[in-house]
Structures are given as C-alpha cells and as structure tokens.
Amino acid sequence: MARPKYRITSDDVIHATQYLSTRLLTFTVKFDDSISPRAAQKEFEQAVDVRSKEDRANKLHAWCEKFLGDLEWGKLKTSIRKRRERKNRELRSVSISEKAFEFIKKLAERDNVTYSEAIEKYLGRAWRK
C-alpha cells in the first residue's frame, strides 16, 4: 500500500515557516531555473501572512508544491521530522567534568548502551541502596 503524500500540518507550520524563511534569506533554497527567486520570496511572504495556523499551513503547503523540487521538499520534511523527534524526547543537558565523562563513556562502551542508559543503570543502583 502506498504511503500517503506528506502535507504541512498546523502543528508543523511554525517550524516550516522558520526553516523556509531562513533558507530563503540565506539564498540556500535551490529553485528550478524557470523560477524567479524574487517571485518565490514574494509569494512565500503572502502565504505566511495569514492569521489562522490551518490556513497558513494550507497556503504554505501550496507554496511548497509550486516552488520546491523533490530535493528541497525532502530537506524540509527531514527538518520537520527531526524537530518532532526532539520535541517528543524528554532530554536534559548537564555539564560534567572530563573525568566523570570518561567514566560514563567507558561504562557505556563496556555495556554497549547509551550514556543515558549507563547513568540510569548505575545511579539507579546507588539510589536504591
């Protein structure tokens, strides 16, 4: 069974807008030779200048269909997918000493687990004692 075609959703519209805006401002979007970058920029601004997230998602999706090739669509979809993955993970950052990092690294390599799994395993044991 064929996979349904991707659509920009109202949940993704803010990220898609930011991603595309940055790429347009830095001239890193690759358009077909038949497409005027200025015309694309102007239509992009009109597409994102809509109040409703649902309407903005629809207009932005139509803009992408009109102006983006397969490669650029793929980059946008990858960016959105990665943002969703980061959003769904509950991660925290900490700063640790070089010595502590080496301990965690060696334990993780020895047990063939991630750094987080090593910390949870060994600190979990210490906590339960």
N, C-alpha and C. Protein backbone atom coordinates (compact mmCIF):
# COMPACT_ATOMS: atom_id res chain seq x y z
N MET A 1 0.84 -1.18 0.00
CA MET A 1 0.00 0.00 0.00
C MET A 1 0.89 1.24 0.00
N ALA A 2 0.56 2.19 -0.83
CA ALA A 2 1.35 3.42 -0.94
C ALA A 2 1.17 4.29 0.30
N ARG A 3 2.24 4.94 0.67
CA ARG A 3 2.23 5.84 1.81
C ARG A 3 1.53 7.14 1.40
N PRO A 4 0.67 7.71 2.27
CA PRO A 4 0.02 8.97 1.91
C PRO A 4 1.04 10.09 1.71
N LYS A 5 0.74 10.98 0.80
CA LYS A 5 1.64 12.09 0.50
C LYS A 5 1.70 13.04 1.70
N TYR A 6 2.87 13.55 1.97
CA TYR A 6 3.08 14.46 3.10
C TYR A 6 2.36 15.79 2.89
N ARG A 7 1.77 16.30 3.97
CA ARG A 7 1.16 17.63 3.99
C ARG A 7 1.69 18.39 5.20
N ILE A 8 1.94 19.66 5.03
CA ILE A 8 2.33 20.50 6.16
C ILE A 8 1.09 20.69 7.02
N THR A 9 1.21 20.38 8.29
CA THR A 9 0.07 20.48 9.22
C THR A 9 0.16 21.77 10.02
N SER A 10 -0.91 22.08 10.71
CA SER A 10 -0.90 23.29 11.55
C SER A 10 0.11 23.15 12.68
N ASP A 11 0.40 21.92 13.11
CA ASP A 11 1.42 21.70 14.15
C ASP A 11 2.83 21.97 13.61
N ASP A 12 3.02 21.77 12.31
CA ASP A 12 4.34 21.93 11.71
C ASP A 12 4.57 23.30 11.10
N VAL A 13 3.51 24.10 10.99
CA VAL A 13 3.60 25.34 10.20
C VAL A 13 4.62 26.33 10.76
N ILE A 14 4.75 26.45 12.04
CA ILE A 14 5.70 27.41 12.62
C ILE A 14 7.12 26.99 12.28
N HIS A 15 7.42 25.71 12.45
CA HIS A 15 8.77 25.24 12.13
C HIS A 15 9.05 25.35 10.63
N ALA A 16 8.08 24.94 9.81
CA ALA A 16 8.26 25.01 8.35
C ALA A 16 8.49 26.45 7.92
N THR A 17 7.73 27.38 8.49
CA THR A 17 7.88 28.79 8.15
C THR A 17 9.27 29.29 8.53
N GLN A 18 9.71 28.96 9.72
CA GLN A 18 11.02 29.40 10.18
C GLN A 18 12.13 28.78 9.32
N TYR A 19 12.02 27.50 9.06
CA TYR A 19 13.02 26.80 8.26
C TYR A 19 13.13 27.43 6.87
N LEU A 20 11.99 27.58 6.20
CA LEU A 20 11.99 28.13 4.84
C LEU A 20 12.42 29.58 4.81
N SER A 21 11.99 30.35 5.79
CA SER A 21 12.36 31.76 5.87
C SER A 21 13.88 31.91 5.96
N THR A 22 14.49 31.12 6.81
CA THR A 22 15.95 31.16 6.96
C THR A 22 16.63 30.75 5.66
N ARG A 23 16.15 29.70 5.04
CA ARG A 23 16.75 29.23 3.79
C ARG A 23 16.59 30.26 2.67
N LEU A 24 15.45 30.95 2.65
CA LEU A 24 15.24 31.98 1.63
C LEU A 24 16.15 33.19 1.88
N LEU A 25 16.27 33.59 3.14
CA LEU A 25 17.11 34.74 3.48
C LEU A 25 18.58 34.50 3.21
N THR A 26 19.00 33.26 3.32
CA THR A 26 20.41 32.93 3.10
C THR A 26 20.67 32.42 1.68
N PHE A 27 19.64 32.48 0.85
CA PHE A 27 19.74 32.07 -0.56
C PHE A 27 20.21 30.63 -0.72
N THR A 28 19.77 29.74 0.17
CA THR A 28 20.19 28.35 0.09
C THR A 28 19.11 27.43 -0.47
N VAL A 29 17.95 27.98 -0.82
CA VAL A 29 16.92 27.17 -1.48
C VAL A 29 17.29 27.08 -2.95
N LYS A 30 17.32 25.87 -3.47
CA LYS A 30 17.64 25.66 -4.88
C LYS A 30 16.34 25.56 -5.66
N PHE A 31 16.05 26.59 -6.50
CA PHE A 31 14.86 26.60 -7.34
C PHE A 31 15.21 26.12 -8.74
N ASP A 32 14.19 25.64 -9.47
CA ASP A 32 14.37 25.35 -10.90
C ASP A 32 14.78 26.64 -11.58
N ASP A 33 15.45 26.52 -12.71
CA ASP A 33 15.88 27.69 -13.47
C ASP A 33 14.71 28.55 -13.93
N SER A 34 13.54 27.94 -14.10
CA SER A 34 12.36 28.67 -14.58
C SER A 34 11.68 29.50 -13.49
N ILE A 35 12.16 29.37 -12.23
CA ILE A 35 11.52 30.06 -11.10
C ILE A 35 12.35 31.27 -10.70
N SER A 36 11.67 32.40 -10.57
CA SER A 36 12.32 33.62 -10.11
C SER A 36 12.37 33.60 -8.58
N PRO A 37 13.57 33.66 -7.99
CA PRO A 37 13.66 33.68 -6.52
C PRO A 37 12.88 34.84 -5.90
N ARG A 38 12.86 35.99 -6.56
CA ARG A 38 12.10 37.13 -6.03
C ARG A 38 10.62 36.86 -6.01
N ALA A 39 10.10 36.26 -7.08
CA ALA A 39 8.67 35.92 -7.14
C ALA A 39 8.34 34.89 -6.06
N ALA A 40 9.24 33.91 -5.88
CA ALA A 40 9.03 32.88 -4.86
C ALA A 40 9.02 33.52 -3.47
N GLN A 41 9.95 34.44 -3.21
CA GLN A 41 10.01 35.14 -1.92
C GLN A 41 8.73 35.92 -1.67
N LYS A 42 8.27 36.63 -2.68
CA LYS A 42 7.05 37.44 -2.53
C LYS A 42 5.84 36.56 -2.22
N GLU A 43 5.70 35.46 -2.95
CA GLU A 43 4.57 34.56 -2.71
C GLU A 43 4.70 33.87 -1.35
N PHE A 44 5.94 33.59 -0.93
CA PHE A 44 6.16 33.00 0.41
C PHE A 44 5.65 33.95 1.48
N GLU A 45 6.02 35.21 1.37
CA GLU A 45 5.58 36.21 2.35
C GLU A 45 4.06 36.31 2.40
N GLN A 46 3.40 36.22 1.25
CA GLN A 46 1.94 36.25 1.22
C GLN A 46 1.36 34.98 1.85
N ALA A 47 1.99 33.86 1.61
CA ALA A 47 1.50 32.59 2.15
C ALA A 47 1.56 32.54 3.67
N VAL A 48 2.61 33.13 4.23
CA VAL A 48 2.78 33.05 5.68
C VAL A 48 2.12 34.22 6.41
N ASP A 49 1.61 35.17 5.66
CA ASP A 49 0.95 36.33 6.27
C ASP A 49 -0.55 36.06 6.43
N VAL A 50 -0.85 34.97 7.13
CA VAL A 50 -2.23 34.54 7.36
C VAL A 50 -2.37 34.24 8.85
N ARG A 51 -3.45 34.68 9.45
CA ARG A 51 -3.64 34.52 10.89
C ARG A 51 -3.83 33.07 11.34
N SER A 52 -4.75 32.37 10.74
CA SER A 52 -5.08 31.00 11.15
C SER A 52 -3.95 30.05 10.79
N LYS A 53 -3.54 29.24 11.78
CA LYS A 53 -2.47 28.27 11.54
C LYS A 53 -2.89 27.26 10.47
N GLU A 54 -4.16 26.88 10.48
CA GLU A 54 -4.66 25.92 9.48
C GLU A 54 -4.57 26.51 8.07
N ASP A 55 -5.03 27.76 7.91
CA ASP A 55 -4.97 28.41 6.60
C ASP A 55 -3.52 28.65 6.17
N ARG A 56 -2.68 29.04 7.13
CA ARG A 56 -1.27 29.27 6.83
C ARG A 56 -0.61 27.96 6.38
N ALA A 57 -0.96 26.86 7.05
CA ALA A 57 -0.40 25.56 6.67
C ALA A 57 -0.81 25.20 5.25
N ASN A 58 -2.07 25.44 4.91
CA ASN A 58 -2.55 25.14 3.56
C ASN A 58 -1.85 26.00 2.51
N LYS A 59 -1.72 27.29 2.80
CA LYS A 59 -1.08 28.19 1.84
C LYS A 59 0.41 27.89 1.71
N LEU A 60 1.05 27.58 2.83
CA LEU A 60 2.47 27.24 2.79
C LEU A 60 2.68 25.93 2.03
N HIS A 61 1.79 24.97 2.26
CA HIS A 61 1.88 23.70 1.53
C HIS A 61 1.75 23.94 0.02
N ALA A 62 0.79 24.77 -0.36
CA ALA A 62 0.60 25.10 -1.79
C ALA A 62 1.85 25.79 -2.34
N TRP A 63 2.45 26.69 -1.55
CA TRP A 63 3.68 27.36 -1.98
C TRP A 63 4.78 26.33 -2.22
N CYS A 64 4.94 25.40 -1.28
CA CYS A 64 5.97 24.37 -1.42
C CYS A 64 5.74 23.51 -2.65
N GLU A 65 4.48 23.15 -2.89
CA GLU A 65 4.15 22.35 -4.08
C GLU A 65 4.53 23.09 -5.35
N LYS A 66 4.34 24.40 -5.35
CA LYS A 66 4.61 25.20 -6.53
C LYS A 66 6.10 25.45 -6.75
N PHE A 67 6.84 25.73 -5.67
CA PHE A 67 8.21 26.20 -5.82
C PHE A 67 9.32 25.21 -5.47
N LEU A 68 9.03 24.21 -4.64
CA LEU A 68 10.10 23.31 -4.20
C LEU A 68 10.18 22.06 -5.06
N GLY A 69 11.40 21.68 -5.39
CA GLY A 69 11.63 20.42 -6.07
C GLY A 69 11.70 19.30 -5.04
N ASP A 70 11.88 18.08 -5.52
CA ASP A 70 11.92 16.91 -4.63
C ASP A 70 13.02 17.03 -3.57
N LEU A 71 14.19 17.52 -3.96
CA LEU A 71 15.30 17.63 -3.02
C LEU A 71 14.97 18.60 -1.88
N GLU A 72 14.44 19.77 -2.24
CA GLU A 72 14.10 20.77 -1.21
C GLU A 72 12.95 20.29 -0.33
N TRP A 73 11.95 19.61 -0.93
CA TRP A 73 10.86 19.04 -0.13
C TRP A 73 11.43 18.05 0.87
N GLY A 74 12.35 17.22 0.40
CA GLY A 74 12.97 16.23 1.28
C GLY A 74 13.69 16.87 2.45
N LYS A 75 14.40 17.95 2.18
CA LYS A 75 15.11 18.66 3.26
C LYS A 75 14.12 19.24 4.27
N LEU A 76 13.03 19.80 3.78
CA LEU A 76 12.02 20.36 4.68
C LEU A 76 11.39 19.26 5.53
N LYS A 77 11.02 18.16 4.91
CA LYS A 77 10.40 17.05 5.65
C LYS A 77 11.36 16.48 6.69
N THR A 78 12.63 16.36 6.33
CA THR A 78 13.63 15.85 7.28
C THR A 78 13.75 16.79 8.47
N SER A 79 13.78 18.08 8.20
CA SER A 79 13.88 19.07 9.27
C SER A 79 12.68 18.98 10.21
N ILE A 80 11.49 18.85 9.65
CA ILE A 80 10.27 18.75 10.47
C ILE A 80 10.27 17.46 11.27
N ARG A 81 10.66 16.35 10.65
CA ARG A 81 10.70 15.07 11.35
C ARG A 81 11.68 15.12 12.53
N LYS A 82 12.85 15.71 12.29
CA LYS A 82 13.84 15.81 13.38
C LYS A 82 13.33 16.69 14.50
N ARG A 83 12.64 17.78 14.17
CA ARG A 83 12.08 18.65 15.20
C ARG A 83 11.05 17.90 16.02
N ARG A 84 10.21 17.10 15.37
CA ARG A 84 9.21 16.30 16.09
C ARG A 84 9.88 15.33 17.05
N GLU A 85 10.95 14.67 16.57
CA GLU A 85 11.67 13.72 17.41
C GLU A 85 12.26 14.41 18.64
N ARG A 86 12.87 15.57 18.43
CA ARG A 86 13.46 16.31 19.57
C ARG A 86 12.37 16.74 20.54
N LYS A 87 11.24 17.16 20.01
CA LYS A 87 10.14 17.63 20.84
C LYS A 87 9.57 16.50 21.69
N ASN A 88 9.51 15.29 21.11
CA ASN A 88 8.90 14.16 21.80
C ASN A 88 9.81 13.51 22.84
N ARG A 89 11.10 13.78 22.77
CA ARG A 89 12.02 13.23 23.76
C ARG A 89 12.10 14.16 24.95
N GLU A 90 12.17 13.57 26.11
CA GLU A 90 12.37 14.37 27.31
C GLU A 90 13.85 14.32 27.66
N LEU A 91 14.58 15.29 27.19
CA LEU A 91 16.03 15.32 27.40
C LEU A 91 16.42 16.53 28.24
N ARG A 92 17.49 16.38 28.95
CA ARG A 92 18.07 17.48 29.72
C ARG A 92 19.56 17.49 29.43
N SER A 93 20.16 18.64 29.54
CA SER A 93 21.60 18.77 29.35
C SER A 93 22.25 19.09 30.68
N VAL A 94 23.42 18.50 30.89
CA VAL A 94 24.19 18.79 32.10
C VAL A 94 25.65 18.95 31.72
N SER A 95 26.37 19.68 32.52
CA SER A 95 27.81 19.81 32.34
C SER A 95 28.48 18.94 33.40
N ILE A 96 29.42 18.13 32.94
CA ILE A 96 30.14 17.25 33.87
C ILE A 96 31.64 17.39 33.61
N SER A 97 32.41 16.95 34.58
CA SER A 97 33.86 17.04 34.44
C SER A 97 34.34 16.03 33.39
N GLU A 98 35.55 16.25 32.91
CA GLU A 98 36.15 15.35 31.94
C GLU A 98 36.29 13.94 32.53
N LYS A 99 36.65 13.87 33.81
CA LYS A 99 36.82 12.58 34.48
C LYS A 99 35.49 11.83 34.55
N ALA A 100 34.43 12.52 34.93
CA ALA A 100 33.10 11.90 35.00
C ALA A 100 32.67 11.43 33.62
N PHE A 101 32.93 12.24 32.60
CA PHE A 101 32.58 11.86 31.23
C PHE A 101 33.30 10.58 30.82
N GLU A 102 34.58 10.47 31.15
CA GLU A 102 35.34 9.27 30.79
C GLU A 102 34.78 8.02 31.48
N PHE A 103 34.35 8.16 32.75
CA PHE A 103 33.72 7.03 33.44
C PHE A 103 32.46 6.58 32.72
N ILE A 104 31.60 7.55 32.40
CA ILE A 104 30.33 7.23 31.73
C ILE A 104 30.61 6.61 30.36
N LYS A 105 31.54 7.17 29.65
CA LYS A 105 31.88 6.68 28.31
C LYS A 105 32.35 5.23 28.37
N LYS A 106 33.25 4.93 29.31
CA LYS A 106 33.77 3.57 29.43
C LYS A 106 32.69 2.58 29.84
N LEU A 107 31.82 2.98 30.77
CA LEU A 107 30.72 2.10 31.18
C LEU A 107 29.77 1.84 30.02
N ALA A 108 29.44 2.89 29.29
CA ALA A 108 28.52 2.76 28.16
C ALA A 108 29.11 1.85 27.08
N GLU A 109 30.39 2.02 26.78
CA GLU A 109 31.04 1.17 25.78
C GLU A 109 31.10 -0.28 26.25
N ARG A 110 31.45 -0.47 27.50
CA ARG A 110 31.56 -1.83 28.04
C ARG A 110 30.23 -2.56 28.00
N ASP A 111 29.15 -1.84 28.40
CA ASP A 111 27.83 -2.46 28.47
C ASP A 111 27.05 -2.34 27.17
N ASN A 112 27.65 -1.67 26.17
CA ASN A 112 27.01 -1.46 24.87
C ASN A 112 25.63 -0.79 25.03
N VAL A 113 25.63 0.33 25.77
CA VAL A 113 24.41 1.11 25.99
C VAL A 113 24.71 2.58 25.74
N THR A 114 23.67 3.40 25.73
CA THR A 114 23.88 4.84 25.58
C THR A 114 24.40 5.42 26.89
N TYR A 115 24.87 6.65 26.84
CA TYR A 115 25.34 7.31 28.05
C TYR A 115 24.20 7.42 29.07
N SER A 116 23.02 7.79 28.59
CA SER A 116 21.87 7.93 29.49
C SER A 116 21.54 6.61 30.17
N GLU A 117 21.56 5.53 29.38
CA GLU A 117 21.25 4.21 29.95
C GLU A 117 22.29 3.81 31.00
N ALA A 118 23.55 4.14 30.75
CA ALA A 118 24.60 3.82 31.73
C ALA A 118 24.39 4.60 33.02
N ILE A 119 24.09 5.88 32.90
CA ILE A 119 23.85 6.71 34.09
C ILE A 119 22.65 6.18 34.86
N GLU A 120 21.55 5.91 34.15
CA GLU A 120 20.34 5.41 34.81
C GLU A 120 20.61 4.09 35.53
N LYS A 121 21.35 3.19 34.88
CA LYS A 121 21.63 1.88 35.47
C LYS A 121 22.45 2.00 36.75
N TYR A 122 23.58 2.72 36.67
CA TYR A 122 24.48 2.75 37.81
C TYR A 122 24.03 3.71 38.90
N LEU A 123 23.47 4.85 38.55
CA LEU A 123 22.95 5.75 39.58
C LEU A 123 21.67 5.20 40.18
N GLY A 124 20.90 4.49 39.37
CA GLY A 124 19.69 3.85 39.90
C GLY A 124 20.02 2.85 40.99
N ARG A 125 21.08 2.09 40.77
CA ARG A 125 21.52 1.12 41.81
C ARG A 125 21.94 1.86 43.08
N ALA A 126 22.72 2.90 42.92
CA ALA A 126 23.19 3.67 44.08
C ALA A 126 22.01 4.30 44.82
N TRP A 127 21.05 4.76 44.10
CA TRP A 127 19.88 5.42 44.70
C TRP A 127 19.05 4.43 45.50
N ARG A 128 18.90 3.22 45.01
CA ARG A 128 18.08 2.20 45.68
C ARG A 128 18.74 1.65 46.93
N LYS A 129 20.06 1.81 47.08
CA LYS A 129 20.76 1.24 48.27
C LYS A 129 20.39 1.95 49.53
